[in-house]
């Protein structure tokens, strides 16, 4: 069973994810249909970043996953050498 702290952290992660999703959805899907002179446009980055930010985030995620897998494999090989 989850403790109170775990529930608060989980709720916080869900809230942050929902906020990011709402912001990105508004930025990419709704903003092109709003007049470019509208005041809401000053709260969003230029549209080119709508592609660059997720691309950079995905590449960093792949890099960290690859580094983690490499680290685990190298550590596993060292453990088997010591056992022999």
Protein backbone atom coordinates (compact mmCIF):
# COMPACT_ATOMS: atom_id res chain seq x y z
CA UNK A 1 0.00 0.00 0.00
CA UNK A 2 1.28 3.45 -0.87
CA UNK A 3 2.18 5.83 1.91
CA UNK A 4 0.94 9.39 2.12
CA UNK A 5 4.24 10.70 0.77
CA UNK A 6 4.08 8.36 -2.22
CA UNK A 7 0.57 9.54 -2.99
CA UNK A 8 1.57 13.20 -2.81
CA UNK A 9 4.55 12.62 -5.10
CA UNK A 10 2.37 10.65 -7.51
CA UNK A 11 -0.26 13.37 -7.53
CA UNK A 12 2.46 15.97 -8.15
CA UNK A 13 3.86 14.01 -11.09
CA UNK A 14 0.39 13.61 -12.59
CA UNK A 15 -0.30 17.34 -12.14
CA UNK A 16 3.00 18.33 -13.80
CA UNK A 17 2.39 15.92 -16.67
CA UNK A 18 -1.14 17.22 -17.17
CA UNK A 19 0.11 20.82 -17.16
CA UNK A 20 2.81 20.08 -19.75
CA UNK A 21 0.36 18.15 -21.91
CA UNK A 22 -2.21 20.96 -21.79
CA UNK A 23 0.39 23.63 -22.58
CA UNK A 24 1.87 21.65 -25.49
CA UNK A 25 -1.55 20.75 -26.91
CA UNK A 26 -2.63 24.38 -26.79
CA UNK A 27 0.64 25.47 -28.36
CA UNK A 28 0.64 22.98 -31.23
CA UNK A 29 -3.04 22.36 -31.98
CA UNK A 30 -5.03 25.42 -30.92
CA UNK A 31 -2.60 28.32 -31.38
CA UNK A 32 -2.46 28.14 -35.21
CA UNK A 33 -6.20 28.91 -35.31
CA UNK A 34 -5.90 32.01 -33.13
CA UNK A 35 -5.08 35.36 -34.73
CA UNK A 36 -1.35 36.08 -34.57
CA UNK A 37 -1.99 39.51 -33.01
CA UNK A 38 -3.85 38.00 -30.05
CA UNK A 39 -2.27 38.50 -26.62
CA UNK A 40 -2.09 34.75 -25.94
CA UNK A 41 0.79 34.37 -28.42
CA UNK A 42 3.20 36.10 -26.04
CA UNK A 43 2.95 33.14 -23.61
CA UNK A 44 4.28 30.63 -26.15
CA UNK A 45 7.63 30.11 -27.86
CA UNK A 46 7.91 30.24 -31.66
CA UNK A 47 6.46 27.21 -33.45
CA UNK A 48 9.87 25.84 -34.48
CA UNK A 49 10.51 24.96 -30.84
CA UNK A 50 7.39 22.79 -30.83
CA UNK A 51 9.41 20.26 -32.82
CA UNK A 52 12.90 20.93 -31.46
CA UNK A 53 12.10 20.58 -27.76
CA UNK A 54 10.48 17.10 -27.98
CA UNK A 55 13.19 15.99 -30.41
CA UNK A 56 15.99 17.06 -28.06
CA UNK A 57 14.18 15.53 -25.09
CA UNK A 58 13.76 12.23 -26.93
CA UNK A 59 17.41 12.14 -27.94
CA UNK A 60 18.51 12.83 -24.37
CA UNK A 61 16.21 10.09 -23.12
CA UNK A 62 17.70 7.62 -25.60
CA UNK A 63 21.20 8.70 -24.59
CA UNK A 64 20.53 8.12 -20.89
CA UNK A 65 18.84 4.76 -21.54
CA UNK A 66 21.82 3.68 -23.65
CA UNK A 67 24.29 4.83 -21.00
CA UNK A 68 22.35 3.00 -18.29
CA UNK A 69 22.25 -0.24 -20.30
CA UNK A 70 25.98 0.06 -21.06
CA UNK A 71 26.74 0.66 -17.39
CA UNK A 72 24.68 -2.34 -16.27
CA UNK A 73 26.27 -4.62 -18.88
CA UNK A 74 29.81 -3.55 -17.96
CA UNK A 75 29.10 -3.95 -14.26
CA UNK A 76 27.62 -7.39 -14.93
CA UNK A 77 30.73 -8.49 -16.85
CA UNK A 78 33.02 -7.33 -14.03
CA UNK A 79 30.95 -9.33 -11.54
CA UNK A 80 31.25 -12.53 -13.54
CA UNK A 81 35.03 -12.10 -13.91
CA UNK A 82 35.45 -11.79 -10.13
CA UNK A 83 33.35 -14.90 -9.54
CA UNK A 84 35.52 -17.01 -11.82
